[in-house]
Amino acid sequence: MTTETRSDLIDKMTENLPVLRKKLKLSQEGLAEFIGISRYTVMLIETGKRRMTWNTFLSLVLLFDKNEETAVLLRALEIYTDDLDKMIKQQPETDL
């Protein structure tokens, strides 16, 4: 997956994060606890004052994909794409 594609997915998640969070009836504090970041970081991301990291994006995707309602939204909003699905399901190469 290219850096540009990752950036586009992060932008879409950032734009839709408040809606997705509210669908799960989560406060910024609750969301922060789920994914292991501070409430302040969630607030900065939602207000566009801090760029979401790829690791935060993946944590959010995993959280929202496990809820039926938000999983559908992730796909409708083109946040969870076929390319992302392939990347997530890809077997990592090991040196074993």
N, C-alpha and C. Protein backbone atom coordinates (compact mmCIF):
# COMPACT_ATOMS: atom_id res chain seq x y z
N MET A 1 0.86 -1.17 0.00
CA MET A 1 0.00 0.00 0.00
C MET A 1 0.90 1.23 0.00
N THR A 2 0.60 2.17 -0.87
CA THR A 2 1.45 3.35 -1.00
C THR A 2 1.23 4.33 0.15
N THR A 3 2.20 5.20 0.35
CA THR A 3 2.10 6.24 1.37
C THR A 3 0.93 7.17 1.08
N GLU A 4 0.70 7.44 -0.19
CA GLU A 4 -0.42 8.31 -0.58
C GLU A 4 -1.77 7.66 -0.24
N THR A 5 -1.90 6.38 -0.50
CA THR A 5 -3.13 5.66 -0.17
C THR A 5 -3.37 5.66 1.33
N ARG A 6 -2.31 5.41 2.10
CA ARG A 6 -2.43 5.45 3.56
C ARG A 6 -2.88 6.83 4.03
N SER A 7 -2.30 7.85 3.45
CA SER A 7 -2.64 9.22 3.81
C SER A 7 -4.11 9.52 3.51
N ASP A 8 -4.59 9.07 2.36
CA ASP A 8 -6.00 9.26 1.99
C ASP A 8 -6.93 8.56 2.98
N LEU A 9 -6.57 7.34 3.38
CA LEU A 9 -7.40 6.59 4.33
C LEU A 9 -7.41 7.28 5.70
N ILE A 10 -6.26 7.79 6.13
CA ILE A 10 -6.18 8.52 7.39
C ILE A 10 -7.05 9.77 7.32
N ASP A 11 -7.00 10.48 6.21
CA ASP A 11 -7.83 11.68 6.04
C ASP A 11 -9.32 11.35 6.15
N LYS A 12 -9.73 10.27 5.52
CA LYS A 12 -11.15 9.87 5.58
C LYS A 12 -11.55 9.47 6.99
N MET A 13 -10.68 8.76 7.69
CA MET A 13 -10.98 8.37 9.07
C MET A 13 -11.07 9.61 9.95
N THR A 14 -10.14 10.52 9.79
CA THR A 14 -10.13 11.75 10.59
C THR A 14 -11.42 12.53 10.38
N GLU A 15 -11.83 12.68 9.14
CA GLU A 15 -13.04 13.43 8.81
C GLU A 15 -14.29 12.80 9.42
N ASN A 16 -14.31 11.49 9.50
CA ASN A 16 -15.51 10.78 9.96
C ASN A 16 -15.41 10.23 11.38
N LEU A 17 -14.31 10.49 12.06
CA LEU A 17 -14.10 9.94 13.39
C LEU A 17 -15.20 10.33 14.39
N PRO A 18 -15.63 11.59 14.45
CA PRO A 18 -16.69 11.93 15.42
C PRO A 18 -17.98 11.13 15.19
N VAL A 19 -18.36 10.94 13.94
CA VAL A 19 -19.58 10.20 13.62
C VAL A 19 -19.43 8.73 14.02
N LEU A 20 -18.31 8.13 13.66
CA LEU A 20 -18.07 6.73 13.99
C LEU A 20 -18.03 6.53 15.50
N ARG A 21 -17.37 7.44 16.19
CA ARG A 21 -17.27 7.36 17.65
C ARG A 21 -18.65 7.45 18.29
N LYS A 22 -19.47 8.37 17.81
CA LYS A 22 -20.81 8.56 18.37
C LYS A 22 -21.72 7.37 18.08
N LYS A 23 -21.51 6.71 16.94
CA LYS A 23 -22.29 5.50 16.63
C LYS A 23 -22.09 4.43 17.69
N LEU A 24 -20.88 4.39 18.28
CA LEU A 24 -20.59 3.42 19.33
C LEU A 24 -20.90 3.99 20.72
N LYS A 25 -21.45 5.22 20.73
CA LYS A 25 -21.78 5.90 21.99
C LYS A 25 -20.56 6.02 22.89
N LEU A 26 -19.43 6.37 22.26
CA LEU A 26 -18.18 6.54 23.00
C LEU A 26 -17.84 8.02 23.12
N SER A 27 -17.41 8.41 24.29
CA SER A 27 -16.86 9.75 24.48
C SER A 27 -15.43 9.73 23.93
N GLN A 28 -14.83 10.90 23.84
CA GLN A 28 -13.43 10.95 23.43
C GLN A 28 -12.58 10.16 24.42
N GLU A 29 -12.90 10.27 25.70
CA GLU A 29 -12.18 9.54 26.75
C GLU A 29 -12.33 8.03 26.56
N GLY A 30 -13.55 7.58 26.30
CA GLY A 30 -13.80 6.16 26.10
C GLY A 30 -13.06 5.60 24.90
N LEU A 31 -13.08 6.35 23.81
CA LEU A 31 -12.36 5.93 22.61
C LEU A 31 -10.87 5.87 22.89
N ALA A 32 -10.36 6.89 23.56
CA ALA A 32 -8.93 6.94 23.89
C ALA A 32 -8.52 5.71 24.70
N GLU A 33 -9.33 5.33 25.67
CA GLU A 33 -9.03 4.15 26.50
C GLU A 33 -8.99 2.88 25.65
N PHE A 34 -9.95 2.75 24.73
CA PHE A 34 -10.01 1.55 23.88
C PHE A 34 -8.74 1.36 23.06
N ILE A 35 -8.22 2.46 22.51
CA ILE A 35 -7.09 2.30 21.58
C ILE A 35 -5.74 2.70 22.18
N GLY A 36 -5.73 3.13 23.44
CA GLY A 36 -4.47 3.37 24.11
C GLY A 36 -3.79 4.70 23.82
N ILE A 37 -4.59 5.73 23.59
CA ILE A 37 -4.04 7.08 23.43
C ILE A 37 -4.77 7.99 24.42
N SER A 38 -4.34 9.23 24.54
CA SER A 38 -4.98 10.15 25.48
C SER A 38 -6.23 10.79 24.87
N ARG A 39 -7.12 11.24 25.74
CA ARG A 39 -8.30 11.96 25.28
C ARG A 39 -7.88 13.23 24.54
N TYR A 40 -6.81 13.85 25.02
CA TYR A 40 -6.30 15.07 24.39
C TYR A 40 -5.88 14.78 22.95
N THR A 41 -5.25 13.64 22.72
CA THR A 41 -4.85 13.27 21.35
C THR A 41 -6.08 13.06 20.48
N VAL A 42 -7.09 12.41 21.00
CA VAL A 42 -8.33 12.22 20.23
C VAL A 42 -8.91 13.58 19.87
N MET A 43 -8.95 14.50 20.82
CA MET A 43 -9.49 15.84 20.57
C MET A 43 -8.67 16.56 19.49
N LEU A 44 -7.35 16.47 19.57
CA LEU A 44 -6.50 17.11 18.57
C LEU A 44 -6.72 16.52 17.18
N ILE A 45 -6.88 15.21 17.10
CA ILE A 45 -7.14 14.56 15.82
C ILE A 45 -8.49 15.01 15.25
N GLU A 46 -9.52 14.99 16.11
CA GLU A 46 -10.86 15.35 15.64
C GLU A 46 -10.95 16.81 15.21
N THR A 47 -10.15 17.68 15.79
CA THR A 47 -10.18 19.11 15.42
C THR A 47 -9.17 19.44 14.32
N GLY A 48 -8.45 18.42 13.85
CA GLY A 48 -7.50 18.63 12.76
C GLY A 48 -6.20 19.29 13.18
N LYS A 49 -5.91 19.30 14.46
CA LYS A 49 -4.69 19.93 14.95
C LYS A 49 -3.53 18.96 15.07
N ARG A 50 -3.83 17.67 14.95
CA ARG A 50 -2.78 16.65 14.96
C ARG A 50 -3.14 15.59 13.93
N ARG A 51 -2.13 15.15 13.20
CA ARG A 51 -2.33 14.11 12.19
C ARG A 51 -2.35 12.74 12.88
N MET A 52 -3.30 11.95 12.51
CA MET A 52 -3.41 10.59 13.03
C MET A 52 -2.26 9.75 12.50
N THR A 53 -1.68 8.91 13.35
CA THR A 53 -0.64 8.00 12.89
C THR A 53 -1.28 6.78 12.23
N TRP A 54 -0.49 6.06 11.47
CA TRP A 54 -0.97 4.84 10.83
C TRP A 54 -1.37 3.81 11.88
N ASN A 55 -0.61 3.72 12.97
CA ASN A 55 -0.96 2.77 14.03
C ASN A 55 -2.29 3.12 14.69
N THR A 56 -2.54 4.40 14.91
CA THR A 56 -3.83 4.82 15.46
C THR A 56 -4.94 4.50 14.48
N PHE A 57 -4.70 4.76 13.20
CA PHE A 57 -5.69 4.43 12.17
C PHE A 57 -6.04 2.95 12.22
N LEU A 58 -5.03 2.10 12.26
CA LEU A 58 -5.29 0.65 12.29
C LEU A 58 -6.04 0.23 13.54
N SER A 59 -5.72 0.83 14.68
CA SER A 59 -6.44 0.54 15.91
C SER A 59 -7.91 0.92 15.78
N LEU A 60 -8.17 2.06 15.19
CA LEU A 60 -9.56 2.51 14.98
C LEU A 60 -10.30 1.60 14.01
N VAL A 61 -9.63 1.19 12.94
CA VAL A 61 -10.25 0.29 11.97
C VAL A 61 -10.66 -1.01 12.66
N LEU A 62 -9.77 -1.56 13.46
CA LEU A 62 -10.08 -2.82 14.15
C LEU A 62 -11.25 -2.64 15.11
N LEU A 63 -11.28 -1.54 15.83
CA LEU A 63 -12.38 -1.27 16.75
C LEU A 63 -13.70 -1.12 16.00
N PHE A 64 -13.73 -0.26 14.99
CA PHE A 64 -14.97 0.02 14.27
C PHE A 64 -15.42 -1.15 13.40
N ASP A 65 -14.49 -1.98 12.94
CA ASP A 65 -14.85 -3.12 12.11
C ASP A 65 -15.53 -4.23 12.92
N LYS A 66 -15.37 -4.22 14.22
CA LYS A 66 -15.97 -5.26 15.06
C LYS A 66 -17.40 -4.93 15.47
N ASN A 67 -17.91 -3.78 15.07
CA ASN A 67 -19.29 -3.41 15.34
C ASN A 67 -20.04 -3.39 14.01
N GLU A 68 -21.17 -4.06 13.97
CA GLU A 68 -21.92 -4.22 12.72
C GLU A 68 -22.24 -2.88 12.05
N GLU A 69 -22.73 -1.94 12.84
CA GLU A 69 -23.14 -0.65 12.29
C GLU A 69 -21.96 0.15 11.75
N THR A 70 -20.89 0.22 12.53
CA THR A 70 -19.75 1.01 12.09
C THR A 70 -18.94 0.28 11.01
N ALA A 71 -18.99 -1.05 11.00
CA ALA A 71 -18.30 -1.80 9.94
C ALA A 71 -18.89 -1.45 8.58
N VAL A 72 -20.20 -1.36 8.52
CA VAL A 72 -20.88 -0.98 7.28
C VAL A 72 -20.48 0.45 6.88
N LEU A 73 -20.44 1.33 7.87
CA LEU A 73 -20.05 2.72 7.59
C LEU A 73 -18.62 2.82 7.08
N LEU A 74 -17.70 2.04 7.66
CA LEU A 74 -16.31 2.07 7.21
C LEU A 74 -16.21 1.78 5.72
N ARG A 75 -17.00 0.84 5.27
CA ARG A 75 -16.98 0.48 3.85
C ARG A 75 -17.69 1.52 2.99
N ALA A 76 -18.82 2.02 3.47
CA ALA A 76 -19.57 3.04 2.73
C ALA A 76 -18.76 4.33 2.58
N LEU A 77 -17.99 4.65 3.59
CA LEU A 77 -17.17 5.87 3.56
C LEU A 77 -15.82 5.64 2.89
N GLU A 78 -15.61 4.42 2.38
CA GLU A 78 -14.38 4.02 1.70
C GLU A 78 -13.15 4.18 2.58
N ILE A 79 -13.33 3.87 3.88
CA ILE A 79 -12.20 3.85 4.82
C ILE A 79 -11.62 2.44 4.87
N TYR A 80 -12.49 1.45 4.90
CA TYR A 80 -12.05 0.05 4.85
C TYR A 80 -12.21 -0.41 3.40
N THR A 81 -11.11 -0.41 2.69
CA THR A 81 -11.13 -0.74 1.26
C THR A 81 -10.65 -2.17 1.02
N ASP A 82 -10.80 -2.63 -0.19
CA ASP A 82 -10.30 -3.96 -0.56
C ASP A 82 -8.79 -4.03 -0.38
N ASP A 83 -8.09 -2.95 -0.76
CA ASP A 83 -6.63 -2.92 -0.60
C ASP A 83 -6.23 -3.01 0.86
N LEU A 84 -6.94 -2.31 1.72
CA LEU A 84 -6.66 -2.37 3.15
C LEU A 84 -6.94 -3.77 3.69
N ASP A 85 -8.03 -4.36 3.25
CA ASP A 85 -8.38 -5.71 3.68
C ASP A 85 -7.28 -6.70 3.29
N LYS A 86 -6.79 -6.59 2.07
CA LYS A 86 -5.72 -7.47 1.60
C LYS A 86 -4.46 -7.28 2.43
N MET A 87 -4.14 -6.01 2.74
CA MET A 87 -2.95 -5.72 3.52
C MET A 87 -3.06 -6.31 4.93
N ILE A 88 -4.22 -6.17 5.55
CA ILE A 88 -4.44 -6.68 6.90
C ILE A 88 -4.37 -8.20 6.93
N LYS A 89 -4.89 -8.85 5.92
CA LYS A 89 -4.93 -10.31 5.88
C LYS A 89 -3.64 -10.94 5.36
N GLN A 90 -2.74 -10.12 4.87
CA GLN A 90 -1.47 -10.62 4.31
C GLN A 90 -0.63 -11.26 5.41
N GLN A 91 -0.04 -12.39 5.06
CA GLN A 91 0.85 -13.08 5.99
C GLN A 91 2.19 -12.36 6.02
N PRO A 92 2.67 -11.97 7.22
CA PRO A 92 3.98 -11.34 7.29
C PRO A 92 5.09 -12.35 6.98
N GLU A 93 6.12 -11.87 6.34
CA GLU A 93 7.27 -12.73 6.03
C GLU A 93 8.10 -12.87 7.29
N THR A 94 8.57 -14.08 7.55
CA THR A 94 9.41 -14.31 8.73
C THR A 94 10.71 -14.95 8.30
N ASP A 95 11.70 -14.83 9.14
CA ASP A 95 13.00 -15.41 8.87
C ASP A 95 13.18 -16.73 9.60
N LEU A 96 12.10 -17.35 10.02
CA LEU A 96 12.21 -18.60 10.79
C LEU A 96 12.55 -19.77 9.94
